[in-house]
Amino acid sequence: MLSCGDQIHSSNPLQSVGSSVPQCSVPPDILTSMCNNIGEACKTRGILGYLSIELLTFIDPQSLEQQIWATDLDLCYSDQLAMTQLLLYLTNGTLDCRNSRLTVPPAPRKVERRRHKAQPAETIILDRVAVLSTRLVHTNLSLVYYNVFFQMCKAHGIGYDVKEKQGTVFALLENQKRHRVGMMSIAEDLQGALMTFARNLFIIHQEISAPNMQGETNFKETVQEIETILGVTEENKLKFEE
């Protein structure tokens, strides 16, 4: 597995607008086994190359056990994988899908020269979570030049910290209308990544919209979905603490 993530939906519950990486909905060992079995089945039928598998998981109301269904198979290099490769490039990180863990090296620190023999440095690994999307749509984006867009983001503190390997990165998806944009938010945990992603969408929508010109967008629905996810995450956290 090269990438794994939990889907985030917008106005259409059957179509994802993005995902959080790594996934935490399915036990990693079960996910690995399922994907390997599907890959082997494709191989025996002469299907080779990049495979994108879509899964659905839910709790069976009768048995109260988690069910996992494979619902879709695409034979292509997906946007999910492309954004994951960008994520690993930016953070110099490693995505371990077998353990659902994204790790990055710490920022280099200045080491003072000493006469005595230096002690071996401890290996420190930092965890990161990313929320990414290539399906953000806002018709008012076509009215804003990219240099103005980035100045606006800078003024609101939307940016990427190279040393800390946290923050937000945009993917400029050029087309004739320029209505779409890709965005990736990286943080230390899932809650932080989701909150950063939603905050960015809210700010951008406020800046490029006017009361009489809201434009067609999926920003609002995406923010509402993230708020729902954050509510469920916080509820589960409280239950765990109890």
C-alpha atoms as a PDB file:
ATOM      1  CA  MET A   1       0.000   0.000   0.000  1.00  0.00           C
ATOM      2  CA  LEU A   2       1.269   3.411  -1.004  1.00  0.00           C
ATOM      3  CA  SER A   3      -1.496   5.492   0.574  1.00  0.00           C
ATOM      4  CA  CYS A   4      -4.460   5.083   2.904  1.00  0.00           C
ATOM      5  CA  GLY A   5      -6.964   7.632   4.155  1.00  0.00           C
ATOM      6  CA  ASP A   6     -10.404   8.239   5.656  1.00  0.00           C
ATOM      7  CA  GLN A   7     -12.786   9.986   3.295  1.00  0.00           C
ATOM      8  CA  ILE A   8     -14.268  13.418   3.942  1.00  0.00           C
ATOM      9  CA  HIS A   9     -17.555  14.160   2.191  1.00  0.00           C
ATOM     10  CA  SER A  10     -19.242  17.365   1.152  1.00  0.00           C
ATOM     11  CA  SER A  11     -22.660  17.975  -0.406  1.00  0.00           C
ATOM     12  CA  ASN A  12     -22.773  14.470  -1.910  1.00  0.00           C
ATOM     13  CA  PRO A  13     -22.519  11.666   0.692  1.00  0.00           C
ATOM     14  CA  LEU A  14     -21.508   9.223  -2.055  1.00  0.00           C
ATOM     15  CA  GLN A  15     -18.544  11.281  -3.297  1.00  0.00           C
ATOM     16  CA  SER A  16     -15.533  12.238  -1.217  1.00  0.00           C
ATOM     17  CA  VAL A  17     -14.031  15.710  -1.382  1.00  0.00           C
ATOM     18  CA  GLY A  18     -10.823  14.716   0.386  1.00  0.00           C
ATOM     19  CA  SER A  19      -9.314  12.470   3.033  1.00  0.00           C
ATOM     20  CA  SER A  20      -7.255  12.368   6.200  1.00  0.00           C
ATOM     21  CA  VAL A  21      -3.940  10.501   6.077  1.00  0.00           C
ATOM     22  CA  PRO A  22      -3.216   8.026   7.568  1.00  0.00           C
ATOM     23  CA  GLN A  23      -6.531   6.240   8.029  1.00  0.00           C
ATOM     24  CA  CYS A  24      -7.818   5.273  11.467  1.00  0.00           C
ATOM     25  CA  SER A  25     -11.223   3.719  10.719  1.00  0.00           C
ATOM     26  CA  VAL A  26     -10.100   0.164  10.031  1.00  0.00           C
ATOM     27  CA  PRO A  27      -7.565  -1.986  11.927  1.00  0.00           C
ATOM     28  CA  PRO A  28      -4.347  -1.685   9.872  1.00  0.00           C
ATOM     29  CA  ASP A  29      -3.707  -5.449   9.785  1.00  0.00           C
ATOM     30  CA  ILE A  30      -7.179  -6.132   8.369  1.00  0.00           C
ATOM     31  CA  LEU A  31      -6.814  -3.344   5.807  1.00  0.00           C
ATOM     32  CA  THR A  32      -3.423  -4.669   4.727  1.00  0.00           C
ATOM     33  CA  SER A  33      -4.772  -8.216   4.348  1.00  0.00           C
ATOM     34  CA  MET A  34      -7.790  -7.074   2.305  1.00  0.00           C
ATOM     35  CA  CYS A  35      -5.698  -4.917  -0.038  1.00  0.00           C
ATOM     36  CA  ASN A  36      -3.143  -7.690  -0.542  1.00  0.00           C
ATOM     37  CA  ASN A  37      -5.890 -10.190  -1.368  1.00  0.00           C
ATOM     38  CA  ILE A  38      -7.476  -7.790  -3.862  1.00  0.00           C
ATOM     39  CA  GLY A  39      -4.068  -7.119  -5.397  1.00  0.00           C
ATOM     40  CA  GLU A  40      -3.356 -10.828  -5.775  1.00  0.00           C
ATOM     41  CA  ALA A  41      -6.789 -11.402  -7.342  1.00  0.00           C
ATOM     42  CA  CYS A  42      -6.067  -8.646  -9.887  1.00  0.00           C
ATOM     43  CA  LYS A  43      -2.622 -10.073 -10.590  1.00  0.00           C
ATOM     44  CA  THR A  44      -3.999 -13.529 -11.394  1.00  0.00           C
ATOM     45  CA  ARG A  45      -6.298 -11.872 -13.945  1.00  0.00           C
ATOM     46  CA  GLY A  46      -3.450  -9.987 -15.600  1.00  0.00           C
ATOM     47  CA  ILE A  47      -4.340  -6.625 -14.061  1.00  0.00           C
ATOM     48  CA  LEU A  48      -1.137  -4.819 -13.100  1.00  0.00           C
ATOM     49  CA  GLY A  49      -0.320  -1.256 -12.163  1.00  0.00           C
ATOM     50  CA  TYR A  50      -1.818   1.267  -9.760  1.00  0.00           C
ATOM     51  CA  LEU A  51      -5.073   0.207  -8.099  1.00  0.00           C
ATOM     52  CA  SER A  52      -7.326   2.476  -6.059  1.00  0.00           C
ATOM     53  CA  ILE A  53      -9.674   0.611  -3.709  1.00  0.00           C
ATOM     54  CA  GLU A  54     -12.664   2.233  -2.039  1.00  0.00           C
ATOM     55  CA  LEU A  55     -13.925   0.657   1.175  1.00  0.00           C
ATOM     56  CA  LEU A  56     -17.053   1.119   3.273  1.00  0.00           C
ATOM     57  CA  THR A  57     -17.026   0.321   6.997  1.00  0.00           C
ATOM     58  CA  PHE A  58     -19.865   0.311   9.511  1.00  0.00           C
ATOM     59  CA  ILE A  59     -21.016  -1.386  12.698  1.00  0.00           C
ATOM     60  CA  ASP A  60     -23.534  -4.174  12.140  1.00  0.00           C
ATOM     61  CA  PRO A  61     -26.544  -3.298  14.362  1.00  0.00           C
ATOM     62  CA  GLN A  62     -27.252  -6.971  15.057  1.00  0.00           C
ATOM     63  CA  SER A  63     -23.801  -8.398  15.744  1.00  0.00           C
ATOM     64  CA  LEU A  64     -22.293  -5.040  16.834  1.00  0.00           C
ATOM     65  CA  GLU A  65     -19.172  -6.034  14.895  1.00  0.00           C
ATOM     66  CA  GLN A  66     -17.358  -3.878  12.371  1.00  0.00           C
ATOM     67  CA  GLN A  67     -18.077  -4.729   8.764  1.00  0.00           C
ATOM     68  CA  ILE A  68     -15.758  -3.758   5.902  1.00  0.00           C
ATOM     69  CA  TRP A  69     -16.914  -3.882   2.292  1.00  0.00           C
ATOM     70  CA  ALA A  70     -14.888  -3.214  -0.840  1.00  0.00           C
ATOM     71  CA  THR A  71     -17.216  -1.094  -3.004  1.00  0.00           C
ATOM     72  CA  ASP A  72     -15.095   0.244  -5.861  1.00  0.00           C
ATOM     73  CA  LEU A  73     -11.889  -0.493  -7.762  1.00  0.00           C
ATOM     74  CA  ASP A  74     -10.233   2.020 -10.093  1.00  0.00           C
ATOM     75  CA  LEU A  75      -7.285   1.141 -12.330  1.00  0.00           C
ATOM     76  CA  CYS A  76      -5.443   4.438 -12.237  1.00  0.00           C
ATOM     77  CA  TYR A  77      -2.909   6.641 -10.491  1.00  0.00           C
ATOM     78  CA  SER A  78      -5.257   8.484  -8.144  1.00  0.00           C
ATOM     79  CA  ASP A  79      -5.266  12.062  -6.842  1.00  0.00           C
ATOM     80  CA  GLN A  80      -5.024  10.526  -3.368  1.00  0.00           C
ATOM     81  CA  LEU A  81      -1.670   8.960  -4.219  1.00  0.00           C
ATOM     82  CA  ALA A  82      -0.424  12.094  -5.999  1.00  0.00           C
ATOM     83  CA  MET A  83      -1.172  14.256  -2.945  1.00  0.00           C
ATOM     84  CA  THR A  84       0.381  11.633  -0.677  1.00  0.00           C
ATOM     85  CA  GLN A  85       3.602  11.758  -2.707  1.00  0.00           C
ATOM     86  CA  LEU A  86       3.562  15.553  -2.382  1.00  0.00           C
ATOM     87  CA  LEU A  87       3.029  15.151   1.361  1.00  0.00           C
ATOM     88  CA  LEU A  88       6.020  12.837   1.717  1.00  0.00           C
ATOM     89  CA  TYR A  89       8.173  15.152  -0.397  1.00  0.00           C
ATOM     90  CA  LEU A  90       7.312  18.203   1.707  1.00  0.00           C
ATOM     91  CA  THR A  91       7.852  16.512   5.064  1.00  0.00           C
ATOM     92  CA  ASN A  92      10.601  14.059   4.080  1.00  0.00           C
ATOM     93  CA  GLY A  93       8.346  11.648   5.943  1.00  0.00           C
ATOM     94  CA  THR A  94       7.397   8.002   5.795  1.00  0.00           C
ATOM     95  CA  LEU A  95       3.861   6.647   5.532  1.00  0.00           C
ATOM     96  CA  ASP A  96       3.586   3.200   7.109  1.00  0.00           C
ATOM     97  CA  CYS A  97       0.203   1.932   5.940  1.00  0.00           C
ATOM     98  CA  ARG A  98       0.693  -1.382   7.750  1.00  0.00           C
ATOM     99  CA  ASN A  99       0.603   0.514  11.051  1.00  0.00           C
ATOM    100  CA  SER A 100      -1.361   3.588   9.909  1.00  0.00           C
ATOM    101  CA  ARG A 101       1.376   5.969  10.939  1.00  0.00           C
ATOM    102  CA  LEU A 102       2.905   9.020   9.256  1.00  0.00           C
ATOM    103  CA  THR A 103       6.299   9.953  10.695  1.00  0.00           C
ATOM    104  CA  VAL A 104       8.675  12.808   9.899  1.00  0.00           C
ATOM    105  CA  PRO A 105      12.230  13.583  11.050  1.00  0.00           C
ATOM    106  CA  PRO A 106      12.679  16.457  13.518  1.00  0.00           C
ATOM    107  CA  ALA A 107      14.045  19.834  12.501  1.00  0.00           C
ATOM    108  CA  PRO A 108      17.872  19.936  12.515  1.00  0.00           C
ATOM    109  CA  ARG A 109      19.381  21.679  15.507  1.00  0.00           C
ATOM    110  CA  LYS A 110      22.678  23.465  15.862  1.00  0.00           C
ATOM    111  CA  VAL A 111      25.213  21.326  17.689  1.00  0.00           C
ATOM    112  CA  GLU A 112      27.856  23.063  19.801  1.00  0.00           C
ATOM    113  CA  ARG A 113      31.392  21.853  19.266  1.00  0.00           C
ATOM    114  CA  ARG A 114      32.921  20.265  22.341  1.00  0.00           C
ATOM    115  CA  ARG A 115      36.337  18.871  23.021  1.00  0.00           C
ATOM    116  CA  HIS A 116      35.147  15.660  24.601  1.00  0.00           C
ATOM    117  CA  LYS A 117      33.673  12.870  22.561  1.00  0.00           C
ATOM    118  CA  ALA A 118      30.087  13.633  21.671  1.00  0.00           C
ATOM    119  CA  GLN A 119      27.382  11.265  22.832  1.00  0.00           C
ATOM    120  CA  PRO A 120      25.328   9.576  20.095  1.00  0.00           C
ATOM    121  CA  ALA A 121      22.164  11.529  19.462  1.00  0.00           C
ATOM    122  CA  GLU A 122      18.818   9.897  20.192  1.00  0.00           C
ATOM    123  CA  THR A 123      16.651   9.078  17.214  1.00  0.00           C
ATOM    124  CA  ILE A 124      13.501  11.192  17.468  1.00  0.00           C
ATOM    125  CA  ILE A 125      10.535  10.503  15.233  1.00  0.00           C
ATOM    126  CA  LEU A 126       7.586  12.891  15.032  1.00  0.00           C
ATOM    127  CA  ASP A 127       4.039  11.910  14.117  1.00  0.00           C
ATOM    128  CA  ARG A 128       2.001  13.915  11.648  1.00  0.00           C
ATOM    129  CA  VAL A 129      -1.530  13.781  10.210  1.00  0.00           C
ATOM    130  CA  ALA A 130      -2.592  15.402   6.952  1.00  0.00           C
ATOM    131  CA  VAL A 131      -5.955  16.388   5.496  1.00  0.00           C
ATOM    132  CA  LEU A 132      -5.821  16.686   1.726  1.00  0.00           C
ATOM    133  CA  SER A 133      -8.138  17.413  -1.172  1.00  0.00           C
ATOM    134  CA  THR A 134      -8.052  18.077  -4.906  1.00  0.00           C
ATOM    135  CA  ARG A 135     -11.810  18.657  -5.245  1.00  0.00           C
ATOM    136  CA  LEU A 136     -12.326  22.044  -3.635  1.00  0.00           C
ATOM    137  CA  VAL A 137     -14.507  24.208  -5.880  1.00  0.00           C
ATOM    138  CA  HIS A 138     -15.314  27.924  -5.692  1.00  0.00           C
ATOM    139  CA  THR A 139     -16.374  29.882  -8.771  1.00  0.00           C
ATOM    140  CA  ASN A 140     -15.023  33.139  -7.303  1.00  0.00           C
ATOM    141  CA  LEU A 141     -11.474  31.776  -7.434  1.00  0.00           C
ATOM    142  CA  SER A 142     -11.362  32.686 -11.128  1.00  0.00           C
ATOM    143  CA  LEU A 143     -11.655  36.363 -10.147  1.00  0.00           C
ATOM    144  CA  VAL A 144      -8.529  36.326  -7.973  1.00  0.00           C
ATOM    145  CA  TYR A 145      -4.963  36.392  -9.290  1.00  0.00           C
ATOM    146  CA  TYR A 146      -2.657  33.868  -7.688  1.00  0.00           C
ATOM    147  CA  ASN A 147      -0.305  36.521  -6.285  1.00  0.00           C
ATOM    148  CA  VAL A 148      -3.258  38.229  -4.592  1.00  0.00           C
ATOM    149  CA  PHE A 149      -4.500  34.874  -3.337  1.00  0.00           C
ATOM    150  CA  PHE A 150      -1.177  34.033  -1.689  1.00  0.00           C
ATOM    151  CA  GLN A 151      -0.838  37.529  -0.184  1.00  0.00           C
ATOM    152  CA  MET A 152      -4.267  37.032   1.327  1.00  0.00           C
ATOM    153  CA  CYS A 153      -3.235  33.664   2.775  1.00  0.00           C
ATOM    154  CA  LYS A 154      -0.039  35.150   4.194  1.00  0.00           C
ATOM    155  CA  ALA A 155      -1.971  37.960   5.860  1.00  0.00           C
ATOM    156  CA  HIS A 156      -4.137  35.383   7.656  1.00  0.00           C
ATOM    157  CA  GLY A 157      -1.239  33.165   8.672  1.00  0.00           C
ATOM    158  CA  ILE A 158      -2.018  30.428   6.171  1.00  0.00           C
ATOM    159  CA  GLY A 159       1.323  28.912   5.196  1.00  0.00           C
ATOM    160  CA  TYR A 160       3.731  26.040   5.638  1.00  0.00           C
ATOM    161  CA  ASP A 161       6.525  25.813   8.218  1.00  0.00           C
ATOM    162  CA  VAL A 162       9.390  23.955   6.548  1.00  0.00           C
ATOM    163  CA  LYS A 163      11.274  23.307   9.815  1.00  0.00           C
ATOM    164  CA  GLU A 164       8.307  22.122  11.877  1.00  0.00           C
ATOM    165  CA  LYS A 165       6.753  20.336   8.884  1.00  0.00           C
ATOM    166  CA  GLN A 166       3.307  21.705   9.684  1.00  0.00           C
ATOM    167  CA  GLY A 167       0.898  24.045   7.975  1.00  0.00           C
ATOM    168  CA  THR A 168      -0.902  24.362   4.659  1.00  0.00           C
ATOM    169  CA  VAL A 169       0.134  23.810   1.045  1.00  0.00           C
ATOM    170  CA  PHE A 170      -1.927  24.506  -2.068  1.00  0.00           C
ATOM    171  CA  ALA A 171      -1.960  22.610  -5.356  1.00  0.00           C
ATOM    172  CA  LEU A 172      -2.887  24.917  -8.238  1.00  0.00           C
ATOM    173  CA  LEU A 173      -5.061  22.828 -10.538  1.00  0.00           C
ATOM    174  CA  GLU A 174      -4.989  24.845 -13.742  1.00  0.00           C
ATOM    175  CA  ASN A 175      -7.961  24.723 -16.081  1.00  0.00           C
ATOM    176  CA  GLN A 176      -9.870  27.220 -18.181  1.00  0.00           C
ATOM    177  CA  LYS A 177     -12.217  28.305 -15.400  1.00  0.00           C
ATOM    178  CA  ARG A 178      -9.736  28.093 -12.468  1.00  0.00           C
ATOM    179  CA  HIS A 179     -12.579  27.092 -10.147  1.00  0.00           C
ATOM    180  CA  ARG A 180     -10.725  24.225  -8.487  1.00  0.00           C
ATOM    181  CA  VAL A 181      -7.850  24.202  -6.044  1.00  0.00           C
ATOM    182  CA  GLY A 182      -6.065  21.499  -4.094  1.00  0.00           C
ATOM    183  CA  MET A 183      -5.165  21.972  -0.445  1.00  0.00           C
ATOM    184  CA  MET A 184      -3.257  20.012   2.174  1.00  0.00           C
ATOM    185  CA  SER A 185      -3.106  20.757   5.905  1.00  0.00           C
ATOM    186  CA  ILE A 186      -0.498  19.030   8.073  1.00  0.00           C
ATOM    187  CA  ALA A 187      -0.534  18.953  11.884  1.00  0.00           C
ATOM    188  CA  GLU A 188       0.576  16.883  14.851  1.00  0.00           C
ATOM    189  CA  ASP A 189      -2.791  15.145  15.227  1.00  0.00           C
ATOM    190  CA  LEU A 190      -6.058  14.590  13.394  1.00  0.00           C
ATOM    191  CA  GLN A 191      -7.963  17.270  15.274  1.00  0.00           C
ATOM    192  CA  GLY A 192      -5.355  19.906  14.500  1.00  0.00           C
ATOM    193  CA  ALA A 193      -5.229  18.997  10.810  1.00  0.00           C
ATOM    194  CA  LEU A 194      -9.025  19.077  10.479  1.00  0.00           C
ATOM    195  CA  MET A 195      -9.340  22.385  12.323  1.00  0.00           C
ATOM    196  CA  THR A 196      -6.636  23.988  10.170  1.00  0.00           C
ATOM    197  CA  PHE A 197      -8.260  22.718   6.982  1.00  0.00           C
ATOM    198  CA  ALA A 198     -11.716  24.002   7.978  1.00  0.00           C
ATOM    199  CA  ARG A 199     -10.333  27.361   9.153  1.00  0.00           C
ATOM    200  CA  ASN A 200      -8.572  27.859   5.825  1.00  0.00           C
ATOM    201  CA  LEU A 201     -11.751  27.172   3.855  1.00  0.00           C
ATOM    202  CA  PHE A 202     -13.746  29.568   6.030  1.00  0.00           C
ATOM    203  CA  ILE A 203     -11.209  32.370   5.658  1.00  0.00           C
ATOM    204  CA  ILE A 204     -10.792  31.947   1.899  1.00  0.00           C
ATOM    205  CA  HIS A 205     -14.554  31.909   1.368  1.00  0.00           C
ATOM    206  CA  GLN A 206     -14.971  35.071   3.431  1.00  0.00           C
ATOM    207  CA  GLU A 207     -12.187  36.868   1.550  1.00  0.00           C
ATOM    208  CA  ILE A 208     -13.255  36.068  -2.012  1.00  0.00           C
ATOM    209  CA  SER A 209     -17.022  36.354  -1.500  1.00  0.00           C
ATOM    210  CA  ALA A 210     -19.316  39.323  -1.106  1.00  0.00           C
ATOM    211  CA  PRO A 211     -22.871  39.391   0.292  1.00  0.00           C
ATOM    212  CA  ASN A 212     -24.280  39.749  -3.231  1.00  0.00           C
ATOM    213  CA  MET A 213     -21.761  37.385  -4.856  1.00  0.00           C
ATOM    214  CA  GLN A 214     -21.293  34.201  -2.833  1.00  0.00           C
ATOM    215  CA  GLY A 215     -20.442  32.023  -5.836  1.00  0.00           C
ATOM    216  CA  GLU A 216     -20.995  28.297  -6.248  1.00  0.00           C
ATOM    217  CA  THR A 217     -18.796  26.367  -3.859  1.00  0.00           C
ATOM    218  CA  ASN A 218     -18.451  23.220  -1.774  1.00  0.00           C
ATOM    219  CA  PHE A 219     -16.415  25.034   0.896  1.00  0.00           C
ATOM    220  CA  LYS A 220     -19.358  25.475   3.275  1.00  0.00           C
ATOM    221  CA  GLU A 221     -20.501  21.856   3.082  1.00  0.00           C
ATOM    222  CA  THR A 222     -16.931  20.645   3.594  1.00  0.00           C
ATOM    223  CA  VAL A 223     -16.548  22.807   6.703  1.00  0.00           C
ATOM    224  CA  GLN A 224     -19.842  21.449   8.065  1.00  0.00           C
ATOM    225  CA  GLU A 225     -18.674  17.873   7.460  1.00  0.00           C
ATOM    226  CA  ILE A 226     -15.400  18.549   9.256  1.00  0.00           C
ATOM    227  CA  GLU A 227     -17.269  20.097  12.192  1.00  0.00           C
ATOM    228  CA  THR A 228     -19.333  16.901  12.410  1.00  0.00           C
ATOM    229  CA  ILE A 229     -16.182  14.768  12.351  1.00  0.00           C
ATOM    230  CA  LEU A 230     -14.591  16.929  15.053  1.00  0.00           C
ATOM    231  CA  GLY A 231     -17.700  16.519  17.192  1.00  0.00           C
ATOM    232  CA  VAL A 232     -17.593  12.729  16.875  1.00  0.00           C
ATOM    233  CA  THR A 233     -13.844  12.699  17.525  1.00  0.00           C
ATOM    234  CA  GLU A 234     -14.239  14.782  20.691  1.00  0.00           C
ATOM    235  CA  GLU A 235     -17.127  12.584  21.862  1.00  0.00           C
ATOM    236  CA  ASN A 236     -15.079   9.425  21.371  1.00  0.00           C
ATOM    237  CA  LYS A 237     -12.155  11.040  23.177  1.00  0.00           C
ATOM    238  CA  LEU A 238     -14.317  11.826  26.208  1.00  0.00           C
ATOM    239  CA  LYS A 239     -15.671   8.278  26.281  1.00  0.00           C
ATOM    240  CA  PHE A 240     -12.142   6.907  26.159  1.00  0.00           C
ATOM    241  CA  GLU A 241     -11.049   9.156  29.024  1.00  0.00           C
ATOM    242  CA  GLU A 242     -14.006   8.052  31.142  1.00  0.00           C
END
